[in-house]
Protein backbone atom coordinates (compact mmCIF):
# COMPACT_ATOMS: atom_id res chain seq x y z
CA UNK A 1 -23.57 153.04 121.22
CA UNK A 2 -26.94 151.92 119.70
CA UNK A 3 -27.11 148.53 117.94
CA UNK A 4 -27.07 148.00 114.31
CA UNK A 5 -30.48 147.18 112.59
CA UNK A 6 -30.44 143.55 111.84
CA UNK A 7 -31.22 144.22 108.21
CA UNK A 8 -28.10 146.28 108.08
CA UNK A 9 -25.87 143.41 109.63
CA UNK A 10 -27.31 141.02 107.01
CA UNK A 11 -27.06 143.13 104.23
CA UNK A 12 -23.11 143.48 104.65
CA UNK A 13 -22.70 140.03 104.73
CA UNK A 14 -23.94 138.26 101.54
CA UNK A 15 -22.63 134.65 102.43
CA UNK A 16 -24.31 134.99 105.88
CA UNK A 17 -27.60 136.02 104.29
CA UNK A 18 -27.43 132.92 101.90
CA UNK A 19 -26.44 130.73 104.54
CA UNK A 20 -29.70 131.80 106.56
CA UNK A 21 -31.70 131.48 103.50
CA UNK A 22 -30.65 127.78 103.13
CA UNK A 23 -31.31 127.22 106.94
CA UNK A 24 -34.75 128.44 106.48
CA UNK A 25 -35.51 126.33 103.51
CA UNK A 26 -34.30 123.13 105.24
CA UNK A 27 -36.27 123.96 108.45
CA UNK A 28 -39.73 124.95 108.55
CA UNK A 29 -41.16 127.08 109.65
CA UNK A 30 -38.46 129.72 110.34
CA UNK A 31 -38.37 133.59 109.27
CA UNK A 32 -35.95 136.29 110.18
CA UNK A 33 -37.38 139.48 110.97
CA UNK A 34 -36.25 143.09 111.11
CA UNK A 35 -36.96 145.35 114.33
CA UNK A 36 -39.83 146.91 112.52
CA UNK A 37 -41.37 143.38 111.81
CA UNK A 38 -40.61 143.65 108.02
CA UNK A 39 -39.45 140.04 106.62
CA UNK A 40 -35.57 139.79 105.97
CA UNK A 41 -35.40 135.97 105.29
CA UNK A 42 -38.35 133.45 104.94
CA UNK A 43 -41.44 133.40 102.76
CA UNK A 44 -44.64 135.24 103.04
CA UNK A 45 -46.89 135.23 104.75
CA UNK A 46 -45.00 134.76 108.26
CA UNK A 47 -46.78 132.08 110.15
CA UNK A 48 -47.72 132.34 113.80
CA UNK A 49 -45.32 130.94 116.34
CA UNK A 50 -42.92 132.10 119.16
CA UNK A 51 -40.95 135.33 118.37
CA UNK A 52 -37.64 135.37 119.96
CA UNK A 53 -35.37 138.77 119.93
CA UNK A 54 -31.98 139.28 118.35
CA UNK A 55 -30.26 141.43 121.01
CA UNK A 56 -26.93 143.62 120.56
CA UNK A 57 -25.46 145.67 123.01
CA UNK A 58 -28.56 145.04 125.30
CA UNK A 59 -31.10 146.21 122.59
CA UNK A 60 -33.45 144.57 120.38
CA UNK A 61 -32.31 144.86 116.71
CA UNK A 62 -34.74 142.01 115.26
CA UNK A 63 -36.43 138.86 115.52
CA UNK A 64 -36.75 135.16 114.74
CA UNK A 65 -39.87 133.48 114.41
CA UNK A 66 -40.05 129.72 114.01
CA UNK A 67 -40.11 126.53 115.77
CA UNK A 68 -37.40 124.52 117.62
CA UNK A 69 -34.03 125.91 115.88
CA UNK A 70 -35.62 129.57 116.59
CA UNK A 71 -33.59 129.96 119.67
CA UNK A 72 -30.41 128.93 118.35
CA UNK A 73 -30.85 131.03 115.37
CA UNK A 74 -31.54 133.95 117.45
CA UNK A 75 -28.62 133.25 119.50
CA UNK A 76 -26.38 132.96 116.52
CA UNK A 77 -27.70 136.15 115.07
CA UNK A 78 -27.44 138.11 118.35
CA UNK A 79 -23.62 137.15 118.50
CA UNK A 80 -23.33 138.36 114.83
CA UNK A 81 -24.90 141.79 115.61
CA UNK A 82 -23.06 142.31 118.87
CA UNK A 83 -19.50 141.58 116.71
CA UNK A 84 -20.68 144.19 114.23
CA UNK A 85 -21.78 146.78 116.99
CA UNK A 86 -18.28 146.26 118.81
CA UNK A 87 -16.72 146.83 115.26
CA UNK A 88 -18.54 149.89 114.90
CA UNK A 89 -17.61 151.40 118.16
CA UNK A 90 -13.78 150.50 117.84
CA UNK A 91 -14.07 152.25 114.25
CA UNK A 92 -15.94 155.23 115.84
CA UNK A 93 -13.26 155.33 118.81
CA UNK A 94 -10.59 154.93 116.24
CA UNK A 95 -11.81 158.00 114.48
CA UNK A 96 -12.27 160.13 117.50
CA UNK A 97 -8.67 159.31 118.43
CA UNK A 98 -7.52 160.25 114.90
CA UNK A 99 -9.44 163.60 115.16
CA UNK A 100 -7.68 164.17 118.38
CA UNK A 101 -4.47 163.56 117.21
CA UNK A 102 -5.06 165.72 114.07
CA UNK A 103 -6.16 168.64 116.46
CA UNK A 104 -3.04 168.20 118.68
CA UNK A 105 -0.81 168.08 115.53
CA UNK A 106 -2.48 171.27 114.40
CA UNK A 107 -2.37 172.97 117.80
CA UNK A 108 1.36 172.02 118.14
CA UNK A 109 2.22 173.88 114.70
CA UNK A 110 0.28 177.05 116.01
CA UNK A 111 2.14 176.79 119.14
CA UNK A 112 5.42 176.75 117.31
CA UNK A 113 4.53 179.66 115.24
CA UNK A 114 3.13 181.98 118.13
CA UNK A 115 2.94 180.82 121.70
CA UNK A 116 0.31 183.37 122.77
CA UNK A 117 -2.63 181.75 124.87
CA UNK A 118 -5.21 183.61 122.57
CA UNK A 119 -3.77 182.25 119.46
CA UNK A 120 -3.75 178.73 120.87
CA UNK A 121 -7.33 179.19 121.99
CA UNK A 122 -8.48 180.38 118.58
CA UNK A 123 -6.73 177.56 116.90
CA UNK A 124 -8.35 174.96 119.04
CA UNK A 125 -11.83 176.43 118.79
CA UNK A 126 -11.41 176.27 114.79
CA UNK A 127 -10.31 172.80 114.81
CA UNK A 128 -13.01 171.82 117.40
CA UNK A 129 -15.78 173.26 115.26
CA UNK A 130 -14.23 171.25 112.21
CA UNK A 131 -14.94 167.96 114.31
CA UNK A 132 -18.26 168.89 115.84
CA UNK A 133 -21.03 170.87 114.00
CA UNK A 134 -22.19 174.03 115.64
CA UNK A 135 -23.49 177.39 114.62
CA UNK A 136 -21.29 179.03 117.04
CA UNK A 137 -18.33 178.68 119.64
CA UNK A 138 -16.29 180.57 122.03
CA UNK A 139 -13.48 179.93 124.64
CA UNK A 140 -13.37 181.51 128.05
CA UNK A 141 -10.19 182.02 130.14
CA UNK A 142 -9.83 183.34 133.73
CA UNK A 143 -8.38 186.51 134.29
CA UNK A 144 -5.01 186.05 135.68
CA UNK A 145 -4.80 188.07 138.89
CA UNK A 146 -8.43 188.92 138.66
CA UNK A 147 -11.96 187.61 139.08
CA UNK A 148 -14.02 186.13 136.43
CA UNK A 149 -13.65 184.96 132.78
CA UNK A 150 -13.07 186.76 129.51
CA UNK A 151 -13.69 185.54 126.13
CA UNK A 152 -10.43 185.04 123.96
CA UNK A 153 -11.83 183.17 121.05
CA UNK A 154 -14.99 183.07 119.08
CA UNK A 155 -16.43 181.95 115.97
CA UNK A 156 -19.79 182.02 114.09
CA UNK A 157 -22.59 184.31 115.10
CA UNK A 158 -21.64 184.40 118.77
CA UNK A 159 -23.73 186.93 121.02
CA UNK A 160 -22.18 188.26 124.13
CA UNK A 161 -22.96 186.01 127.07
CA UNK A 162 -24.93 187.24 130.18
CA UNK A 163 -23.54 186.54 133.73
CA UNK A 164 -24.71 183.70 135.47
CA UNK A 165 -25.25 181.19 132.77
CA UNK A 166 -26.44 178.24 134.64
CA UNK A 167 -24.74 175.60 132.71
CA UNK A 168 -21.52 177.38 131.89
CA UNK A 169 -21.30 178.49 135.52
CA UNK A 170 -21.78 174.99 136.75
CA UNK A 171 -19.08 173.81 134.31
CA UNK A 172 -16.37 176.52 135.59
CA UNK A 173 -17.22 175.62 139.19
CA UNK A 174 -17.23 171.70 139.10
CA UNK A 175 -14.82 171.16 136.22
CA UNK A 176 -17.31 168.79 134.69
CA UNK A 177 -18.77 168.92 130.95
CA UNK A 178 -22.54 169.36 130.53
CA UNK A 179 -25.07 169.39 127.86
CA UNK A 180 -28.21 171.53 127.67
CA UNK A 181 -30.41 170.74 124.41
CA UNK A 182 -33.27 172.81 123.50
CA UNK A 183 -33.16 175.45 126.15
CA UNK A 184 -34.28 179.26 125.96
CA UNK A 185 -31.57 181.40 124.31
CA UNK A 186 -32.41 184.27 126.76
CA UNK A 187 -30.89 182.25 129.47
CA UNK A 188 -27.50 182.82 127.70
CA UNK A 189 -28.04 185.92 125.81
CA UNK A 190 -30.55 187.88 127.52
CA UNK A 191 -32.89 189.76 125.15
CA UNK A 192 -30.74 188.91 122.27
CA UNK A 193 -31.76 185.27 122.63
CA UNK A 194 -35.17 184.96 120.95
CA UNK A 195 -35.12 181.06 120.23
CA UNK A 196 -34.09 177.89 121.57
CA UNK A 197 -30.62 176.90 121.57
CA UNK A 198 -28.36 173.68 122.42
CA UNK A 199 -25.28 174.13 124.35
CA UNK A 200 -22.14 171.76 124.76
CA UNK A 201 -19.56 173.03 127.40
CA UNK A 202 -16.56 171.35 128.37
CA UNK A 203 -13.95 172.70 131.24
CA UNK A 204 -10.29 173.65 130.18
CA UNK A 205 -8.72 172.07 133.27
CA UNK A 206 -4.94 171.63 134.69
CA UNK A 207 -3.92 169.68 137.57
CA UNK A 208 -4.72 172.57 139.85
CA UNK A 209 -7.61 174.47 138.75
CA UNK A 210 -10.11 175.21 135.89
CA UNK A 211 -8.47 177.82 133.33
CA UNK A 212 -12.05 178.21 131.57
CA UNK A 213 -14.18 176.37 129.11
CA UNK A 214 -14.93 175.41 125.50
CA UNK A 215 -18.72 176.32 124.51
CA UNK A 216 -20.54 175.39 121.68
CA UNK A 217 -23.91 176.47 120.52
CA UNK A 218 -26.50 175.06 118.11
CA UNK A 219 -29.57 176.50 116.67
CA UNK A 220 -33.37 175.03 117.21
CA UNK A 221 -32.72 172.25 115.05
CA UNK A 222 -29.31 171.00 116.42
CA UNK A 223 -29.21 168.72 119.29
CA UNK A 224 -25.75 167.62 120.74
CA UNK A 225 -25.13 164.00 121.44
CA UNK A 226 -23.29 162.46 124.35
CA UNK A 227 -20.73 161.20 122.21
CA UNK A 228 -19.94 164.76 120.86
CA UNK A 229 -19.86 166.20 124.53
CA UNK A 230 -17.07 163.49 125.12
CA UNK A 231 -15.11 164.02 122.12
CA UNK A 232 -15.31 167.92 123.04
CA UNK A 233 -14.31 167.05 126.60
CA UNK A 234 -11.46 164.90 125.53
CA UNK A 235 -10.11 168.01 123.41
CA UNK A 236 -10.69 170.31 125.92
CA UNK A 237 -8.47 168.28 128.27
CA UNK A 238 -5.71 168.26 125.71
CA UNK A 239 -5.96 172.02 124.93
CA UNK A 240 -5.77 173.15 128.56
CA UNK A 241 -2.17 172.14 129.30
CA UNK A 242 -1.14 173.74 126.18
CA UNK A 243 -2.64 177.04 127.40
CA UNK A 244 -1.32 176.88 130.86
CA UNK A 245 2.40 176.11 129.23
CA UNK A 246 1.78 179.14 126.87
CA UNK A 247 0.80 181.48 129.95
CA UNK A 248 3.53 180.33 132.05
CA UNK A 249 5.97 181.01 129.10
CA UNK A 250 4.44 184.63 128.63
CA UNK A 251 5.19 185.29 132.43
CA UNK A 252 8.56 183.98 132.17
CA UNK A 253 9.21 186.10 129.28
CA UNK A 254 7.63 189.19 130.87
CA UNK A 255 9.54 188.46 133.89
CA UNK A 256 13.06 188.20 131.93
CA UNK A 257 12.19 191.49 130.28
CA UNK A 258 11.42 193.38 133.58
CA UNK A 259 14.58 191.46 135.17
CA UNK A 260 16.74 193.03 132.05
CA UNK A 261 15.18 196.63 132.05
CA UNK A 262 15.99 196.57 135.88
CA UNK A 263 19.35 195.40 135.45
CA UNK A 264 19.92 198.23 132.88
CA UNK A 265 18.47 200.87 135.09
CA UNK A 266 20.75 199.89 137.85
CA UNK A 267 23.61 200.33 135.70
CA UNK A 268 22.38 203.97 134.66
CA UNK A 269 21.79 204.64 138.14
CA UNK A 270 25.36 203.40 139.27
CA UNK A 271 26.73 205.64 136.42
CA UNK A 272 25.04 208.68 138.11
CA UNK A 273 26.85 208.14 141.35
CA UNK A 274 30.55 209.28 141.96
CA UNK A 275 33.05 206.92 140.32
CA UNK A 276 34.90 207.20 143.46
CA UNK A 277 35.74 208.94 146.70
CA UNK A 278 37.39 212.56 146.34
CA UNK A 279 41.29 212.31 146.86
CA UNK A 280 41.96 215.41 148.69
CA UNK A 281 45.02 215.84 150.76
CA UNK A 282 44.54 216.08 154.54
CA UNK A 283 40.94 214.17 154.00
CA UNK A 284 39.42 210.87 153.80
CA UNK A 285 36.12 209.97 152.37
CA UNK A 286 34.30 206.46 151.81
CA UNK A 287 30.74 205.37 150.90
CA UNK A 288 28.49 202.27 150.99
CA UNK A 289 25.41 201.97 148.73
CA UNK A 290 23.09 199.00 149.04
CA UNK A 291 19.73 198.87 147.27
CA UNK A 292 17.15 196.66 148.87
CA UNK A 293 16.00 196.04 144.93
CA UNK A 294 17.59 196.16 141.73
CA UNK A 295 17.05 199.86 141.74
CA UNK A 296 17.27 202.45 144.66
CA UNK A 297 15.74 205.60 145.98
CA UNK A 298 18.96 206.49 147.76
CA UNK A 299 21.80 208.57 146.51
CA UNK A 300 25.04 210.58 147.44
CA UNK A 301 27.14 212.74 145.44
CA UNK A 302 30.23 214.87 145.55
CA UNK A 303 30.40 218.16 143.70
CA UNK A 304 33.53 219.95 143.26
CA UNK A 305 32.59 223.81 143.97
CA UNK A 306 36.15 224.97 143.24
CA UNK A 307 38.29 227.16 145.52
CA UNK A 308 39.00 223.96 147.76
CA UNK A 309 35.18 223.79 148.48
CA UNK A 310 33.34 220.42 148.03
CA UNK A 311 29.52 219.79 148.27
CA UNK A 312 28.39 216.44 149.64
CA UNK A 313 24.90 215.02 149.40
CA UNK A 314 23.02 212.36 150.74
CA UNK A 315 19.33 211.65 150.01
CA UNK A 316 16.47 209.20 150.26
CA UNK A 317 13.50 209.24 148.15
CA UNK A 318 10.29 207.86 149.52
CA UNK A 319 9.22 204.34 148.26
CA UNK A 320 11.16 202.04 146.53
CA UNK A 321 11.71 200.45 142.97
CA UNK A 322 11.72 202.09 139.60
CA UNK A 323 9.46 205.13 140.43
CA UNK A 324 11.60 206.14 143.50
CA UNK A 325 14.88 205.53 141.35
CA UNK A 326 13.39 207.92 138.49
CA UNK A 327 12.75 210.37 141.17
CA UNK A 328 15.86 210.24 142.64
CA UNK A 329 17.55 211.23 139.10
CA UNK A 330 14.95 214.18 139.14
CA UNK A 331 16.08 215.48 142.47
CA UNK A 332 19.76 214.91 141.64
CA UNK A 333 19.40 217.04 138.69
CA UNK A 334 17.63 219.78 140.64
CA UNK A 335 20.37 219.82 143.44
CA UNK A 336 23.16 220.09 140.68
CA UNK A 337 21.23 222.94 138.92
CA UNK A 338 21.06 224.79 142.16
CA UNK A 339 24.75 224.13 143.13
CA UNK A 340 25.89 225.49 139.80
CA UNK A 341 24.34 228.83 140.79
CA UNK A 342 26.63 229.14 143.64
CA UNK A 343 23.90 229.23 146.31
CA UNK A 344 24.55 228.38 150.05
CA UNK A 345 23.34 225.19 151.41
CA UNK A 346 20.32 226.82 152.67
CA UNK A 347 19.71 228.53 149.40
CA UNK A 348 20.34 225.25 147.49
CA UNK A 349 17.73 223.36 149.11
CA UNK A 350 15.29 226.22 148.70
CA UNK A 351 15.94 226.44 145.08
CA UNK A 352 16.12 222.93 144.70
CA UNK A 353 12.54 222.30 146.49
CA UNK A 354 10.94 224.70 144.28
CA UNK A 355 12.17 223.00 141.05
CA UNK A 356 11.06 219.72 142.24
CA UNK A 357 7.65 220.99 143.72
CA UNK A 358 6.80 222.67 140.32
CA UNK A 359 7.42 219.86 138.06
CA UNK A 360 6.86 216.92 140.55
CA UNK A 361 2.88 215.55 140.48
CA UNK A 362 3.44 211.88 141.36
CA UNK A 363 3.31 212.49 145.47
CA UNK A 364 6.82 211.75 145.94
CA UNK A 365 9.28 213.68 147.93
CA UNK A 366 13.06 212.89 149.13
CA UNK A 367 14.85 213.79 152.30
CA UNK A 368 18.25 215.70 151.68
CA UNK A 369 21.14 216.70 153.55
CA UNK A 370 23.45 218.96 151.69
CA UNK A 371 26.90 220.01 152.98
CA UNK A 372 29.37 222.41 152.03
CA UNK A 373 33.13 221.53 153.11
CA UNK A 374 36.01 223.84 152.97
CA UNK A 375 38.86 221.50 152.78
CA UNK A 376 41.42 224.25 153.57
CA UNK A 377 39.80 225.52 156.98
CA UNK A 378 37.66 222.53 157.84
CA UNK A 379 34.64 224.50 158.05
CA UNK A 380 31.63 222.41 157.23
CA UNK A 381 28.05 224.14 156.46
CA UNK A 382 24.99 222.52 156.16
CA UNK A 383 21.16 222.61 155.60
CA UNK A 384 18.70 219.71 156.08
CA UNK A 385 15.73 218.90 154.29
CA UNK A 386 14.06 216.17 156.52
CA UNK A 387 16.88 213.75 156.59
CA UNK A 388 18.14 211.64 159.52
CA UNK A 389 20.82 213.55 161.37
CA UNK A 390 24.34 212.81 160.47
CA UNK A 391 26.55 212.04 163.56
CA UNK A 392 29.61 214.00 164.52
CA UNK A 393 32.32 212.01 166.14
CA UNK A 394 35.17 214.41 168.00
CA UNK A 395 38.48 212.97 168.46
CA UNK A 396 38.97 214.29 171.93
CA UNK A 397 35.32 214.07 173.19
CA UNK A 398 33.59 210.97 174.18
CA UNK A 399 30.18 212.47 173.20
CA UNK A 400 28.93 211.77 169.88
CA UNK A 401 26.36 214.81 168.37
CA UNK A 402 23.91 215.02 165.58
CA UNK A 403 24.32 217.91 163.41
CA UNK A 404 20.91 219.47 164.19
CA UNK A 405 19.08 221.39 161.36
CA UNK A 406 15.39 221.22 160.48
CA UNK A 407 13.34 221.62 157.31
CA UNK A 408 10.80 219.75 155.19
CA UNK A 409 11.71 217.10 152.69
CA UNK A 410 12.28 218.37 149.27
CA UNK A 411 9.07 218.18 147.12
CA UNK A 412 6.47 218.54 149.94
CA UNK A 413 5.88 222.44 149.97
CA UNK A 414 7.14 224.94 147.60
CA UNK A 415 7.46 227.76 150.19
CA UNK A 416 9.41 225.53 152.65
CA UNK A 417 11.92 227.08 154.75
CA UNK A 418 15.47 225.40 155.79
CA UNK A 419 18.03 226.23 158.30
CA UNK A 420 21.68 226.43 157.98
CA UNK A 421 24.51 225.90 160.47
CA UNK A 422 28.45 225.77 160.41
CA UNK A 423 31.09 223.80 162.68
CA UNK A 424 34.75 223.57 162.16
CA UNK A 425 35.94 219.62 161.84
CA UNK A 426 39.19 219.27 163.82
CA UNK A 427 41.96 216.88 162.90
CA UNK A 428 40.79 213.34 163.77
CA UNK A 429 36.88 214.43 163.87
CA UNK A 430 34.63 212.42 161.30
CA UNK A 431 30.96 212.77 160.37
CA UNK A 432 28.82 209.70 159.41
CA UNK A 433 26.10 210.43 156.93
CA UNK A 434 23.26 207.60 156.59
CA UNK A 435 19.88 206.99 155.22
CA UNK A 436 16.94 205.75 157.33
CA UNK A 437 17.77 202.20 155.84
CA UNK A 438 20.16 202.04 158.76
CA UNK A 439 18.14 203.14 161.81
CA UNK A 440 14.89 201.73 160.71
CA UNK A 441 16.11 198.10 160.01
CA UNK A 442 14.05 195.34 162.14
CA UNK A 443 15.33 192.18 163.94
CA UNK A 444 12.90 189.07 163.69
CA UNK A 445 11.08 190.31 166.78
CA UNK A 446 10.15 193.46 165.34
CA UNK A 447 12.52 195.57 167.20
CA UNK A 448 14.12 198.74 165.42
CA UNK A 449 17.83 199.11 165.33
CA UNK A 450 17.56 202.50 166.03
CA UNK A 451 20.13 205.70 166.48
CA UNK A 452 21.15 204.33 169.83
CA UNK A 453 22.84 201.21 168.43
CA UNK A 454 24.35 203.17 165.56
CA UNK A 455 26.09 205.69 168.06
CA UNK A 456 27.28 202.65 170.30
CA UNK A 457 29.17 201.29 167.02
CA UNK A 458 30.66 204.59 166.16
CA UNK A 459 32.05 205.03 169.61
CA UNK A 460 33.47 201.46 169.64
CA UNK A 461 35.16 202.06 166.33
CA UNK A 462 36.12 206.03 166.44
CA UNK A 463 39.67 205.19 166.27
CA UNK A 464 39.32 202.82 163.18
CA UNK A 465 39.82 203.99 159.50
CA UNK A 466 36.80 205.24 157.56
CA UNK A 467 36.18 202.26 155.52
CA UNK A 468 36.70 199.97 158.60
CA UNK A 469 34.05 202.19 160.47
CA UNK A 470 31.52 201.53 157.59
CA UNK A 471 32.19 198.15 157.55
CA UNK A 472 31.32 197.67 161.41
CA UNK A 473 28.09 199.61 160.71
CA UNK A 474 27.21 197.07 157.75
CA UNK A 475 27.95 194.22 159.86
CA UNK A 476 26.00 195.52 162.82
CA UNK A 477 22.92 196.12 160.90
CA UNK A 478 22.99 192.74 159.30
CA UNK A 479 23.47 190.78 162.52
CA UNK A 480 20.56 192.85 164.23
CA UNK A 481 18.38 191.89 160.98
CA UNK A 482 19.24 188.17 161.49
CA UNK A 483 20.87 188.00 158.24
CA UNK A 484 17.58 188.46 156.48
CA UNK A 485 17.15 190.60 153.43
CA UNK A 486 17.25 194.30 153.70
CA UNK A 487 13.61 195.97 153.59
CA UNK A 488 14.76 199.28 152.77
CA UNK A 489 18.00 200.85 150.86
CA UNK A 490 20.96 201.44 152.74
CA UNK A 491 23.64 204.13 152.17
CA UNK A 492 26.56 205.50 154.01
CA UNK A 493 29.11 208.38 153.86
CA UNK A 494 31.68 209.11 156.05
CA UNK A 495 34.05 212.29 156.24
CA UNK A 496 37.08 212.49 158.39
CA UNK A 497 39.79 215.10 158.65
CA UNK A 498 43.27 213.50 159.03
CA UNK A 499 45.38 213.98 161.96
């Protein structure tokens, strides 16, 4: 801080001025001069003699000219001037602290009303420009998840910044405040900057990184001081954590909102699945449905077609998450609309595929296996739309056979052709339907579970009850994956004719 001129020190202390006057009158010659040489204490004219400086904070603030007592008098006045400068510094620092506390108080009020980062930045800039005079100002914040910074608050006649503003770029890169007084405006505003500007820039820093910067601009007659930059930097350090907390709060709110919506979507999706397995004399049915995420692209269905006929569907939509689950609802509706027309399994897939292809424009498709079971005769008629082949386990035959039928997934090609086959389930026979979340599970070394392991589990558990067979498959997949989180939806459906 610059020392206080000696005339001001003495002017504030009447008793001291009087005492010095008495000293001068009693000791000749002794004169006290201001920094510019003007007489403060003593008589005109000022005689020649040694002139000693009065020093405060390393700077000369006045002079003592006289004889033997000049040195002692200069030392005394230096001490007094130093004390006054220190008091002034303490007062200024106390005022700065008061201003900072006032700013934080106002910011806390804004935060309580609306914890949005943009509103906190706007309130901070408003308070900063109350404390530090500037023609305009703005606050830049980094784009979360993207490169670069964007202006989130501006006051005054602030022009859009050009890229690569040297001082601002350095502050954002180094995290250190900088001044640039009386520089060409075109360095910051391009062709819009036709005059000189002064710039004070302080970083918004947290423990881990630079969030952005607070920037003040002054016109041609404005010069920012080092003290003002220090104050701006201090305020920026106080504002940055509030903005960071606000951003984290917004992220937490958004995450909670998404989680709530996903849970609601999960409930809606579960409501579209059968409430339970059919209870038909001479038949056993069981299912498992394990989404890899909150919602699933897998689904299964049982449709009572009347006259002892039961429709069974298992399907798997490409992709995961919300888009797959919504497309699943669409495919399910198309299948049900086709089944209500009394079509054969093959015709059902043809009709469903056309409905999906006509109305779907998102590039999604679904593998679908559709079966019509005559629960009186045991006849099973089926058609396949690109789905993994179900496995038939005969009671009296050690061989486990896939139900081979070909066809494109639903939603790929509007003129797709499908095959249709039939067989009869004998007492004790069962069929396992599954999605590729079973066979395409990987172990920690990257090996695929595959169809052979699935067949081996079915062979070992062919005499077990349907629910026990499904449990054995589930445990086999989990153990193979090393207990890790499933990477894909997993759905199982089993049909067995009782002995």
